[in-house]
Amino acid sequence: TGYVASNTEGVATTLQRDGSDYSAAIMGRLLQAQRISIWTDVDGILSADPRRVPHAHVISEVSYNEAMELAYFGAKVIHPKCVLPAIISEPHIPIYIRNTFNSSFP
């Protein structure tokens, strides 16, 4: 789940779409982390929508700009806002997409 939070009065609430991913990216920057891991239900950024293209494969590495552009145009694996904290950090923080259901995938 990962999207439960509390408001300023301490009342439980939910974050918006990808709010937990964005929070992870912000915390990664604030803590000067060596990496940011986004946990989702796929093995990484894929070459196509696996629901439409059965043989879609994981792209091993994409640039920050490519990730933001893919997200902007509909890839649900990462939200474009998640990339910004990693980019403005010096040095940049790598973002890893990890599969909750396949944690042994590299």
Protein backbone atom coordinates (compact mmCIF):
# COMPACT_ATOMS: atom_id res chain seq x y z
CA THR A 1 0.00 0.00 0.00
CA GLY A 2 2.38 2.72 1.16
CA TYR A 3 0.09 5.67 0.63
CA VAL A 4 -1.31 6.19 4.12
CA ALA A 5 -0.25 9.34 5.95
CA SER A 6 -1.61 11.72 8.55
CA ASN A 7 -2.64 15.34 8.25
CA THR A 8 -1.55 18.19 10.54
CA GLU A 9 -4.18 17.14 13.10
CA GLY A 10 -2.87 13.55 13.16
CA VAL A 11 -5.91 12.16 11.33
CA ALA A 12 -5.17 9.28 8.92
CA THR A 13 -5.43 10.24 5.26
CA THR A 14 -4.17 9.00 1.93
CA LEU A 15 -1.64 10.58 -0.38
CA GLN A 16 -2.53 11.36 -3.98
CA ARG A 17 -1.47 9.13 -6.87
CA ASP A 18 2.20 8.25 -6.40
CA GLY A 19 2.37 10.36 -3.27
CA SER A 20 4.44 7.73 -1.48
CA ASP A 21 6.89 7.57 -4.41
CA TYR A 22 7.25 11.35 -4.37
CA SER A 23 7.71 11.30 -0.60
CA ALA A 24 10.44 8.67 -1.00
CA ALA A 25 12.20 10.84 -3.57
CA ILE A 26 12.03 13.91 -1.34
CA MET A 27 13.32 11.95 1.65
CA GLY A 28 16.09 10.50 -0.51
CA ARG A 29 17.23 14.01 -1.38
CA LEU A 30 16.94 15.33 2.17
CA LEU A 31 18.88 12.37 3.55
CA GLN A 32 21.43 12.53 0.71
CA ALA A 33 20.69 8.88 -0.06
CA GLN A 34 22.82 6.86 -2.43
CA ARG A 35 19.72 5.52 -4.20
CA ILE A 36 15.94 5.85 -4.30
CA SER A 37 13.92 2.64 -4.69
CA ILE A 38 10.38 2.83 -5.99
CA TRP A 39 8.46 -0.38 -5.26
CA THR A 40 5.70 -1.27 -7.71
CA ASP A 41 4.15 -4.31 -9.43
CA VAL A 42 6.49 -4.58 -12.45
CA ASP A 43 10.20 -5.36 -12.79
CA GLY A 44 11.12 -1.89 -14.02
CA ILE A 45 10.46 0.49 -16.89
CA LEU A 46 9.22 -1.64 -19.76
CA SER A 47 9.57 -1.20 -23.52
CA ALA A 48 5.77 -1.13 -23.89
CA ASP A 49 2.56 -1.62 -21.93
CA PRO A 50 2.66 -5.34 -21.03
CA ARG A 51 -1.14 -5.50 -21.15
CA ARG A 52 -0.98 -4.61 -24.85
CA VAL A 53 2.41 -5.98 -25.87
CA PRO A 54 2.94 -9.49 -24.46
CA HIS A 55 6.70 -9.51 -25.14
CA ALA A 56 7.49 -6.14 -23.57
CA HIS A 57 10.86 -6.23 -21.87
CA VAL A 58 12.58 -4.31 -19.10
CA ILE A 59 14.76 -1.43 -20.25
CA SER A 60 17.87 -1.73 -18.09
CA GLU A 61 18.59 2.00 -17.86
CA VAL A 62 16.93 5.26 -18.91
CA SER A 63 17.94 8.86 -18.37
CA TYR A 64 16.09 11.10 -15.93
CA ASN A 65 14.61 13.03 -18.87
CA GLU A 66 13.45 9.83 -20.55
CA ALA A 67 11.83 8.65 -17.31
CA MET A 68 10.00 11.97 -16.88
CA GLU A 69 8.85 11.94 -20.50
CA LEU A 70 7.60 8.35 -20.31
CA ALA A 71 5.73 9.19 -17.11
CA TYR A 72 4.30 12.37 -18.58
CA PHE A 73 2.93 10.42 -21.54
CA GLY A 74 1.27 7.76 -19.41
CA ALA A 75 3.77 5.23 -18.07
CA LYS A 76 2.38 4.48 -14.61
CA VAL A 77 5.59 2.95 -13.25
CA ILE A 78 6.90 6.32 -12.03
CA HIS A 79 5.40 9.75 -11.56
CA PRO A 80 7.27 12.64 -13.23
CA LYS A 81 7.46 14.50 -9.89
CA CYS A 82 9.51 11.65 -8.41
CA VAL A 83 12.43 12.38 -10.70
CA LEU A 84 12.96 16.03 -9.77
CA PRO A 85 14.40 15.50 -6.25
CA ALA A 86 16.91 13.02 -7.68
CA ILE A 87 17.99 15.41 -10.43
CA ILE A 88 18.47 18.48 -8.25
CA SER A 89 20.63 16.55 -5.79
CA GLU A 90 24.35 16.81 -6.21
CA PRO A 91 25.44 14.24 -7.06
CA HIS A 92 22.28 12.98 -8.77
CA ILE A 93 20.57 10.10 -6.98
CA PRO A 94 19.85 7.00 -9.07
CA ILE A 95 16.25 5.77 -9.00
CA TYR A 96 15.59 2.04 -9.05
CA ILE A 97 12.21 0.55 -9.94
CA ARG A 98 11.69 -2.63 -7.91
CA ASN A 99 8.94 -5.24 -8.07
CA THR A 100 7.21 -5.98 -4.78
CA PHE A 101 6.22 -9.41 -6.11
CA ASN A 102 9.64 -10.24 -7.61
CA SER A 103 12.20 -8.74 -5.22
CA SER A 104 15.00 -10.98 -6.55
CA PHE A 105 14.85 -9.25 -9.96
CA PRO A 106 17.98 -7.10 -10.30
